[in-house]
C-alpha cells in the first residue's frame, strides 16, 4: 500500500462539501482504486453538538456514515475525474454502531472498494476510535454529472 497523504486543500478540490458538512480532515493512507484511510478530528465546536446532546455530546451516527461516504468518494476521486462529476450516496446496508464518538476523539475512517459499474460503486466501510470499532457498513454511491 502506498503512503499518500491528501491534505485539506486537495480534499476541498475533490469534494463539493464545505463547513459544516465537510467531515474529512485528511487522507493518511491511499492505495488508489483499492483502499483509503482518512481522519476526522472531532471537536467540541462542531455545530451538531449543540443539540446532540447538550448535556452529553455524541457525534450522530448518520454523520459518521456521511463521513465514511465522503471517504469513499475520495477513494473514487483519488485518480483523475471530471470536475462536473458529483458523488451521491445511493444506499446503505448492514450499518452497525459499536462505540459512541465524543468530542476530542479522532475518527479514523476506512473504505475498501468492492465493485463498480456504470457509475455505481460499492464499498465496505468502517470507522474506528483508538483502534476500537465505532461503526461499519456496506455503502453504495453513484457518480453523476452536475447537470444530470
N, C-alpha and C. Protein backbone atom coordinates (compact mmCIF):
# COMPACT_ATOMS: atom_id res chain seq x y z
N UNK A 1 0.85 -1.17 0.00
CA UNK A 1 0.00 0.00 0.00
C UNK A 1 0.89 1.23 0.00
N UNK A 2 0.63 2.16 -0.88
CA UNK A 2 1.43 3.38 -0.94
C UNK A 2 0.98 4.36 0.13
N UNK A 3 1.93 5.08 0.68
CA UNK A 3 1.62 6.13 1.65
C UNK A 3 1.41 7.42 0.86
N UNK A 4 0.20 7.85 0.74
CA UNK A 4 -0.09 9.10 0.05
C UNK A 4 -1.01 9.92 0.92
N UNK A 5 -0.61 11.12 1.23
CA UNK A 5 -1.42 11.98 2.07
C UNK A 5 -2.14 12.99 1.19
N UNK A 6 -3.42 13.12 1.40
CA UNK A 6 -4.20 14.15 0.72
C UNK A 6 -4.60 15.14 1.80
N UNK A 7 -4.13 16.37 1.69
CA UNK A 7 -4.42 17.36 2.71
C UNK A 7 -5.76 18.05 2.45
N UNK A 8 -6.15 18.92 3.36
CA UNK A 8 -7.46 19.58 3.28
C UNK A 8 -7.62 20.40 2.00
N UNK A 9 -6.53 20.98 1.50
CA UNK A 9 -6.63 21.79 0.28
C UNK A 9 -7.02 20.93 -0.92
N UNK A 10 -6.46 19.75 -1.02
CA UNK A 10 -6.81 18.83 -2.11
C UNK A 10 -8.21 18.25 -1.90
N UNK A 11 -8.55 17.95 -0.65
CA UNK A 11 -9.90 17.45 -0.34
C UNK A 11 -10.95 18.45 -0.80
N UNK A 12 -10.70 19.74 -0.57
CA UNK A 12 -11.64 20.78 -0.99
C UNK A 12 -11.79 20.85 -2.50
N UNK A 13 -10.77 20.43 -3.23
CA UNK A 13 -10.86 20.38 -4.70
C UNK A 13 -11.61 19.14 -5.18
N UNK A 14 -11.53 18.07 -4.39
CA UNK A 14 -12.14 16.81 -4.81
C UNK A 14 -13.60 16.66 -4.39
N UNK A 15 -13.96 17.25 -3.25
CA UNK A 15 -15.33 17.12 -2.73
C UNK A 15 -16.06 18.46 -2.79
N UNK A 16 -17.37 18.44 -3.04
CA UNK A 16 -18.13 19.69 -3.07
C UNK A 16 -18.52 20.18 -1.67
N UNK A 17 -18.37 19.36 -0.66
CA UNK A 17 -18.80 19.70 0.69
C UNK A 17 -17.97 20.84 1.28
N UNK A 18 -18.62 21.63 2.12
CA UNK A 18 -17.95 22.71 2.84
C UNK A 18 -18.48 22.72 4.28
N UNK A 19 -17.79 23.50 5.14
CA UNK A 19 -18.21 23.61 6.53
C UNK A 19 -19.68 24.04 6.57
N UNK A 20 -20.47 23.44 7.42
CA UNK A 20 -20.13 22.47 8.46
C UNK A 20 -20.29 21.02 8.02
N UNK A 21 -20.41 20.78 6.71
CA UNK A 21 -20.71 19.42 6.27
C UNK A 21 -19.52 18.66 5.70
N UNK A 22 -18.36 19.28 5.61
CA UNK A 22 -17.17 18.54 5.21
C UNK A 22 -16.67 17.78 6.43
N UNK A 23 -16.63 16.46 6.35
CA UNK A 23 -16.36 15.63 7.51
C UNK A 23 -15.08 14.81 7.40
N UNK A 24 -14.18 15.19 6.49
CA UNK A 24 -12.88 14.54 6.35
C UNK A 24 -11.82 15.63 6.44
N UNK A 25 -10.87 15.46 7.37
CA UNK A 25 -9.81 16.45 7.54
C UNK A 25 -8.55 16.12 6.74
N UNK A 26 -8.28 14.82 6.58
CA UNK A 26 -7.04 14.42 5.91
C UNK A 26 -7.11 12.95 5.51
N UNK A 27 -6.49 12.63 4.39
CA UNK A 27 -6.30 11.24 4.00
C UNK A 27 -4.90 10.85 4.44
N UNK A 28 -4.80 9.75 5.19
CA UNK A 28 -3.49 9.36 5.74
C UNK A 28 -2.90 8.14 5.04
N UNK A 29 -3.71 7.36 4.35
CA UNK A 29 -3.21 6.25 3.53
C UNK A 29 -4.12 6.11 2.32
N UNK A 30 -3.50 5.74 1.20
CA UNK A 30 -4.27 5.57 -0.03
C UNK A 30 -3.60 4.54 -0.91
N UNK A 31 -4.37 3.57 -1.32
CA UNK A 31 -3.97 2.62 -2.35
C UNK A 31 -5.01 2.83 -3.45
N UNK A 32 -4.71 3.68 -4.45
CA UNK A 32 -5.72 4.10 -5.43
C UNK A 32 -6.51 2.93 -6.02
N UNK A 33 -7.82 3.11 -6.04
CA UNK A 33 -8.72 2.11 -6.59
C UNK A 33 -8.97 0.92 -5.67
N UNK A 34 -8.33 0.90 -4.49
CA UNK A 34 -8.48 -0.24 -3.59
C UNK A 34 -8.93 0.16 -2.20
N UNK A 35 -8.11 0.90 -1.47
CA UNK A 35 -8.44 1.26 -0.09
C UNK A 35 -7.98 2.67 0.23
N UNK A 36 -8.60 3.22 1.27
CA UNK A 36 -8.26 4.55 1.75
C UNK A 36 -8.45 4.58 3.26
N UNK A 37 -7.65 5.41 3.91
CA UNK A 37 -7.77 5.63 5.35
C UNK A 37 -7.70 7.14 5.56
N UNK A 38 -8.72 7.68 6.22
CA UNK A 38 -8.81 9.12 6.41
C UNK A 38 -9.14 9.42 7.87
N UNK A 39 -9.03 10.69 8.25
CA UNK A 39 -9.34 11.04 9.63
C UNK A 39 -10.20 12.28 9.73
N UNK A 40 -10.93 12.32 10.82
CA UNK A 40 -11.75 13.47 11.21
C UNK A 40 -11.45 13.74 12.66
N UNK A 41 -10.96 14.92 12.96
CA UNK A 41 -10.77 15.33 14.34
C UNK A 41 -12.10 15.86 14.85
N UNK A 42 -12.67 15.19 15.81
CA UNK A 42 -13.98 15.56 16.34
C UNK A 42 -13.75 16.56 17.47
N UNK A 43 -14.23 17.78 17.28
CA UNK A 43 -14.01 18.83 18.28
C UNK A 43 -15.32 19.30 18.89
N UNK A 44 -15.23 19.86 20.07
CA UNK A 44 -16.41 20.32 20.80
C UNK A 44 -17.15 21.43 20.05
N UNK A 45 -16.47 22.15 19.17
CA UNK A 45 -17.13 23.25 18.47
C UNK A 45 -17.90 22.81 17.23
N UNK A 46 -18.09 21.49 17.03
CA UNK A 46 -18.91 21.01 15.92
C UNK A 46 -20.34 21.50 16.16
N UNK A 47 -21.01 22.04 15.14
CA UNK A 47 -22.35 22.60 15.35
C UNK A 47 -23.39 21.59 15.82
N UNK A 48 -23.24 20.31 15.46
CA UNK A 48 -24.25 19.32 15.84
C UNK A 48 -24.25 19.02 17.34
N UNK A 49 -23.15 19.31 18.03
CA UNK A 49 -23.09 19.02 19.47
C UNK A 49 -24.02 19.92 20.29
N UNK A 50 -24.43 21.05 19.73
CA UNK A 50 -25.35 21.94 20.45
C UNK A 50 -26.68 21.26 20.74
N UNK A 51 -27.09 20.34 19.86
CA UNK A 51 -28.38 19.69 20.05
C UNK A 51 -28.31 18.18 20.19
N UNK A 52 -27.10 17.60 20.11
CA UNK A 52 -26.97 16.13 20.12
C UNK A 52 -25.82 15.70 21.02
N UNK A 53 -25.88 15.70 22.19
CA UNK A 53 -26.90 16.14 23.15
C UNK A 53 -26.23 17.18 24.04
N UNK A 54 -26.91 18.27 24.40
CA UNK A 54 -26.25 19.35 25.13
C UNK A 54 -25.56 18.91 26.43
N UNK A 55 -26.13 17.97 27.14
CA UNK A 55 -25.53 17.55 28.41
C UNK A 55 -24.54 16.39 28.27
N UNK A 56 -24.54 15.74 27.12
CA UNK A 56 -23.61 14.64 26.84
C UNK A 56 -23.40 14.56 25.33
N UNK A 57 -22.52 15.42 24.79
CA UNK A 57 -22.37 15.49 23.33
C UNK A 57 -21.85 14.19 22.72
N UNK A 58 -22.59 13.71 21.71
CA UNK A 58 -22.27 12.49 20.98
C UNK A 58 -22.38 12.79 19.49
N UNK A 59 -21.40 12.35 18.69
CA UNK A 59 -21.49 12.54 17.24
C UNK A 59 -22.60 11.66 16.69
N UNK A 60 -23.56 12.24 15.96
CA UNK A 60 -24.66 11.45 15.40
C UNK A 60 -24.16 10.35 14.45
N UNK A 61 -24.77 9.18 14.56
CA UNK A 61 -24.40 8.06 13.70
C UNK A 61 -24.54 8.38 12.22
N UNK A 62 -25.56 9.13 11.86
CA UNK A 62 -25.74 9.46 10.44
C UNK A 62 -24.58 10.29 9.92
N UNK A 63 -23.96 11.10 10.77
CA UNK A 63 -22.81 11.90 10.34
C UNK A 63 -21.55 11.04 10.26
N UNK A 64 -21.45 10.02 11.09
CA UNK A 64 -20.34 9.07 10.95
C UNK A 64 -20.45 8.37 9.60
N UNK A 65 -21.67 7.94 9.25
CA UNK A 65 -21.88 7.29 7.95
C UNK A 65 -21.59 8.27 6.82
N UNK A 66 -22.00 9.52 6.94
CA UNK A 66 -21.70 10.53 5.92
C UNK A 66 -20.19 10.73 5.79
N UNK A 67 -19.47 10.76 6.90
CA UNK A 67 -18.01 10.89 6.85
C UNK A 67 -17.40 9.70 6.11
N UNK A 68 -17.95 8.51 6.33
CA UNK A 68 -17.47 7.33 5.62
C UNK A 68 -17.77 7.41 4.12
N UNK A 69 -18.94 7.94 3.76
CA UNK A 69 -19.28 8.11 2.34
C UNK A 69 -18.34 9.13 1.69
N UNK A 70 -18.01 10.20 2.40
CA UNK A 70 -17.07 11.18 1.86
C UNK A 70 -15.69 10.56 1.68
N UNK A 71 -15.30 9.69 2.60
CA UNK A 71 -14.02 8.98 2.47
C UNK A 71 -14.04 8.09 1.23
N UNK A 72 -15.14 7.37 1.01
CA UNK A 72 -15.28 6.53 -0.18
C UNK A 72 -15.22 7.38 -1.45
N UNK A 73 -15.83 8.56 -1.41
CA UNK A 73 -15.78 9.45 -2.57
C UNK A 73 -14.34 9.85 -2.87
N UNK A 74 -13.57 10.12 -1.83
CA UNK A 74 -12.16 10.47 -2.05
C UNK A 74 -11.38 9.31 -2.67
N UNK A 75 -11.73 8.09 -2.31
CA UNK A 75 -11.10 6.93 -2.95
C UNK A 75 -11.46 6.89 -4.43
N UNK A 76 -12.72 7.13 -4.75
CA UNK A 76 -13.17 7.14 -6.15
C UNK A 76 -12.49 8.26 -6.92
N UNK A 77 -12.38 9.44 -6.30
CA UNK A 77 -11.84 10.61 -6.99
C UNK A 77 -10.33 10.76 -6.83
N UNK A 78 -9.66 9.80 -6.20
CA UNK A 78 -8.21 9.92 -6.00
C UNK A 78 -7.44 9.86 -7.32
N UNK A 79 -8.07 9.28 -8.31
CA UNK A 79 -7.49 9.28 -9.65
C UNK A 79 -8.23 10.35 -10.45
N UNK A 80 -7.80 10.63 -11.64
CA UNK A 80 -8.42 11.68 -12.45
C UNK A 80 -9.93 11.49 -12.59
N UNK A 81 -10.65 12.59 -12.46
CA UNK A 81 -12.10 12.55 -12.67
C UNK A 81 -12.55 13.88 -13.26
N UNK A 82 -13.70 13.85 -13.86
CA UNK A 82 -14.29 15.05 -14.46
C UNK A 82 -14.79 15.96 -13.34
N UNK A 83 -14.39 17.23 -13.32
CA UNK A 83 -14.86 18.15 -12.28
C UNK A 83 -16.37 18.36 -12.27
N UNK A 84 -17.05 17.95 -13.34
CA UNK A 84 -18.50 18.03 -13.39
C UNK A 84 -19.18 16.86 -12.68
N UNK A 85 -18.39 15.87 -12.25
CA UNK A 85 -18.94 14.71 -11.56
C UNK A 85 -19.30 15.06 -10.12
N UNK A 86 -20.45 14.60 -9.69
CA UNK A 86 -20.90 14.75 -8.30
C UNK A 86 -21.16 13.35 -7.76
N UNK A 87 -20.80 13.14 -6.53
CA UNK A 87 -20.88 11.85 -5.87
C UNK A 87 -22.11 11.84 -4.97
N UNK A 88 -23.01 10.90 -5.20
CA UNK A 88 -24.24 10.82 -4.41
C UNK A 88 -24.27 9.53 -3.60
N UNK A 89 -24.74 9.64 -2.38
CA UNK A 89 -24.94 8.50 -1.51
C UNK A 89 -26.19 7.79 -2.01
N UNK A 90 -26.09 6.51 -2.39
CA UNK A 90 -27.21 5.81 -3.02
C UNK A 90 -27.80 4.69 -2.16
N UNK A 91 -27.04 4.18 -1.18
CA UNK A 91 -27.59 3.10 -0.37
C UNK A 91 -26.67 2.70 0.76
N UNK A 92 -27.26 2.08 1.74
CA UNK A 92 -26.50 1.60 2.90
C UNK A 92 -27.10 0.28 3.36
N UNK A 93 -26.23 -0.66 3.66
CA UNK A 93 -26.65 -1.97 4.15
C UNK A 93 -25.80 -2.34 5.36
N UNK A 94 -26.44 -3.02 6.29
CA UNK A 94 -25.73 -3.59 7.43
C UNK A 94 -25.04 -2.60 8.33
N UNK A 95 -25.55 -1.39 8.45
CA UNK A 95 -24.91 -0.39 9.33
C UNK A 95 -25.03 -0.83 10.78
N UNK A 96 -23.90 -0.78 11.46
CA UNK A 96 -23.84 -1.12 12.87
C UNK A 96 -23.01 -0.08 13.59
N UNK A 97 -23.48 0.32 14.75
CA UNK A 97 -22.77 1.30 15.57
C UNK A 97 -22.33 0.61 16.84
N UNK A 98 -21.03 0.61 17.11
CA UNK A 98 -20.47 -0.18 18.20
C UNK A 98 -19.90 0.66 19.34
N UNK A 99 -19.60 1.93 19.07
CA UNK A 99 -18.97 2.79 20.07
C UNK A 99 -19.41 4.21 19.82
N UNK A 100 -19.68 4.95 20.89
CA UNK A 100 -20.03 6.35 20.70
C UNK A 100 -18.77 7.16 20.37
N UNK A 101 -18.96 8.25 19.64
CA UNK A 101 -17.87 9.14 19.27
C UNK A 101 -18.10 10.47 19.97
N UNK A 102 -17.09 10.90 20.71
CA UNK A 102 -17.20 12.07 21.59
C UNK A 102 -16.26 13.18 21.15
N UNK A 103 -16.52 14.41 21.62
CA UNK A 103 -15.56 15.49 21.35
C UNK A 103 -14.18 15.09 21.87
N UNK A 104 -13.16 15.39 21.07
CA UNK A 104 -11.80 15.03 21.42
C UNK A 104 -11.33 13.74 20.78
N UNK A 105 -12.27 12.95 20.24
CA UNK A 105 -11.90 11.71 19.57
C UNK A 105 -11.34 12.00 18.19
N UNK A 106 -10.49 11.12 17.73
CA UNK A 106 -10.03 11.16 16.34
C UNK A 106 -10.68 9.97 15.64
N UNK A 107 -11.59 10.27 14.73
CA UNK A 107 -12.32 9.24 13.98
C UNK A 107 -11.47 8.84 12.78
N UNK A 108 -11.10 7.57 12.73
CA UNK A 108 -10.33 7.04 11.60
C UNK A 108 -11.29 6.25 10.72
N UNK A 109 -11.34 6.65 9.45
CA UNK A 109 -12.31 6.07 8.52
C UNK A 109 -11.58 5.25 7.45
N UNK A 110 -12.09 4.05 7.22
CA UNK A 110 -11.51 3.13 6.24
C UNK A 110 -12.59 2.80 5.20
N UNK A 111 -12.20 2.81 3.94
CA UNK A 111 -13.11 2.37 2.88
C UNK A 111 -12.34 1.44 1.95
N UNK A 112 -12.99 0.34 1.59
CA UNK A 112 -12.42 -0.62 0.66
C UNK A 112 -13.37 -0.77 -0.52
N UNK A 113 -12.83 -0.56 -1.70
CA UNK A 113 -13.61 -0.68 -2.93
C UNK A 113 -13.96 -2.15 -3.15
N UNK A 114 -15.24 -2.41 -3.43
CA UNK A 114 -15.68 -3.78 -3.75
C UNK A 114 -15.92 -3.96 -5.24
N UNK A 115 -16.73 -3.06 -5.81
CA UNK A 115 -17.01 -3.17 -7.24
C UNK A 115 -17.62 -1.87 -7.75
N UNK A 116 -17.55 -1.70 -9.07
CA UNK A 116 -18.14 -0.52 -9.69
C UNK A 116 -18.52 -0.82 -11.12
N UNK A 117 -19.66 -0.25 -11.52
CA UNK A 117 -20.14 -0.44 -12.90
C UNK A 117 -21.10 0.69 -13.22
N UNK A 118 -20.93 1.30 -14.38
CA UNK A 118 -21.83 2.33 -14.89
C UNK A 118 -22.06 3.45 -13.87
N UNK A 119 -21.00 3.87 -13.20
CA UNK A 119 -21.10 4.98 -12.26
C UNK A 119 -21.67 4.63 -10.90
N UNK A 120 -21.88 3.35 -10.62
CA UNK A 120 -22.38 2.89 -9.31
C UNK A 120 -21.23 2.13 -8.64
N UNK A 121 -20.93 2.52 -7.40
CA UNK A 121 -19.80 1.93 -6.69
C UNK A 121 -20.23 1.39 -5.34
N UNK A 122 -19.63 0.27 -4.95
CA UNK A 122 -19.94 -0.37 -3.67
C UNK A 122 -18.66 -0.45 -2.85
N UNK A 123 -18.79 -0.14 -1.54
CA UNK A 123 -17.65 -0.12 -0.63
C UNK A 123 -18.00 -0.79 0.70
N UNK A 124 -17.00 -1.38 1.33
CA UNK A 124 -17.09 -1.76 2.73
C UNK A 124 -16.40 -0.64 3.49
N UNK A 125 -17.06 -0.13 4.52
CA UNK A 125 -16.51 0.98 5.28
C UNK A 125 -16.56 0.68 6.77
N UNK A 126 -15.62 1.30 7.48
CA UNK A 126 -15.65 1.21 8.94
C UNK A 126 -14.98 2.44 9.52
N UNK A 127 -15.41 2.79 10.73
CA UNK A 127 -14.82 3.91 11.46
C UNK A 127 -14.35 3.39 12.81
N UNK A 128 -13.17 3.83 13.21
CA UNK A 128 -12.62 3.43 14.49
C UNK A 128 -12.19 4.65 15.29
N UNK A 129 -12.14 4.46 16.60
CA UNK A 129 -11.57 5.44 17.52
C UNK A 129 -10.63 4.65 18.41
N UNK A 130 -9.37 5.04 18.44
CA UNK A 130 -8.35 4.33 19.23
C UNK A 130 -8.38 2.82 18.95
N UNK A 131 -8.43 2.47 17.68
CA UNK A 131 -8.46 1.07 17.22
C UNK A 131 -9.69 0.29 17.68
N UNK A 132 -10.70 0.98 18.18
CA UNK A 132 -11.95 0.35 18.59
C UNK A 132 -13.01 0.66 17.54
N UNK A 133 -13.72 -0.36 17.07
CA UNK A 133 -14.74 -0.18 16.04
C UNK A 133 -15.86 0.72 16.55
N UNK A 134 -16.13 1.79 15.81
CA UNK A 134 -17.23 2.70 16.14
C UNK A 134 -18.44 2.44 15.26
N UNK A 135 -18.20 2.18 13.96
CA UNK A 135 -19.30 1.94 13.02
C UNK A 135 -18.77 1.16 11.83
N UNK A 136 -19.68 0.42 11.18
CA UNK A 136 -19.33 -0.29 9.96
C UNK A 136 -20.58 -0.41 9.10
N UNK A 137 -20.37 -0.54 7.79
CA UNK A 137 -21.49 -0.66 6.86
C UNK A 137 -20.98 -1.05 5.48
N UNK A 138 -21.91 -1.36 4.62
CA UNK A 138 -21.66 -1.51 3.20
C UNK A 138 -22.43 -0.36 2.55
N UNK A 139 -21.74 0.47 1.76
CA UNK A 139 -22.43 1.61 1.16
C UNK A 139 -22.33 1.55 -0.36
N UNK A 140 -23.34 2.13 -1.00
CA UNK A 140 -23.39 2.25 -2.44
C UNK A 140 -23.45 3.74 -2.77
N UNK A 141 -22.66 4.14 -3.76
CA UNK A 141 -22.61 5.53 -4.17
C UNK A 141 -22.69 5.60 -5.69
N UNK A 142 -23.17 6.73 -6.17
CA UNK A 142 -23.32 6.93 -7.61
C UNK A 142 -22.64 8.22 -8.02
N UNK A 143 -21.99 8.20 -9.16
CA UNK A 143 -21.36 9.39 -9.72
C UNK A 143 -22.20 9.84 -10.90
N UNK A 144 -22.60 11.07 -10.87
CA UNK A 144 -23.43 11.65 -11.94
C UNK A 144 -22.88 13.03 -12.30
N UNK A 145 -23.23 13.51 -13.46
CA UNK A 145 -22.86 14.86 -13.88
C UNK A 145 -23.72 15.88 -13.13
N UNK A 146 -23.15 17.04 -12.83
CA UNK A 146 -23.89 18.10 -12.14
C UNK A 146 -25.16 18.48 -12.89
N UNK A 147 -25.09 18.48 -14.20
CA UNK A 147 -26.24 18.90 -15.00
C UNK A 147 -27.30 17.82 -15.16
N UNK A 148 -27.00 16.59 -14.75
CA UNK A 148 -27.95 15.49 -14.95
C UNK A 148 -29.08 15.52 -13.93
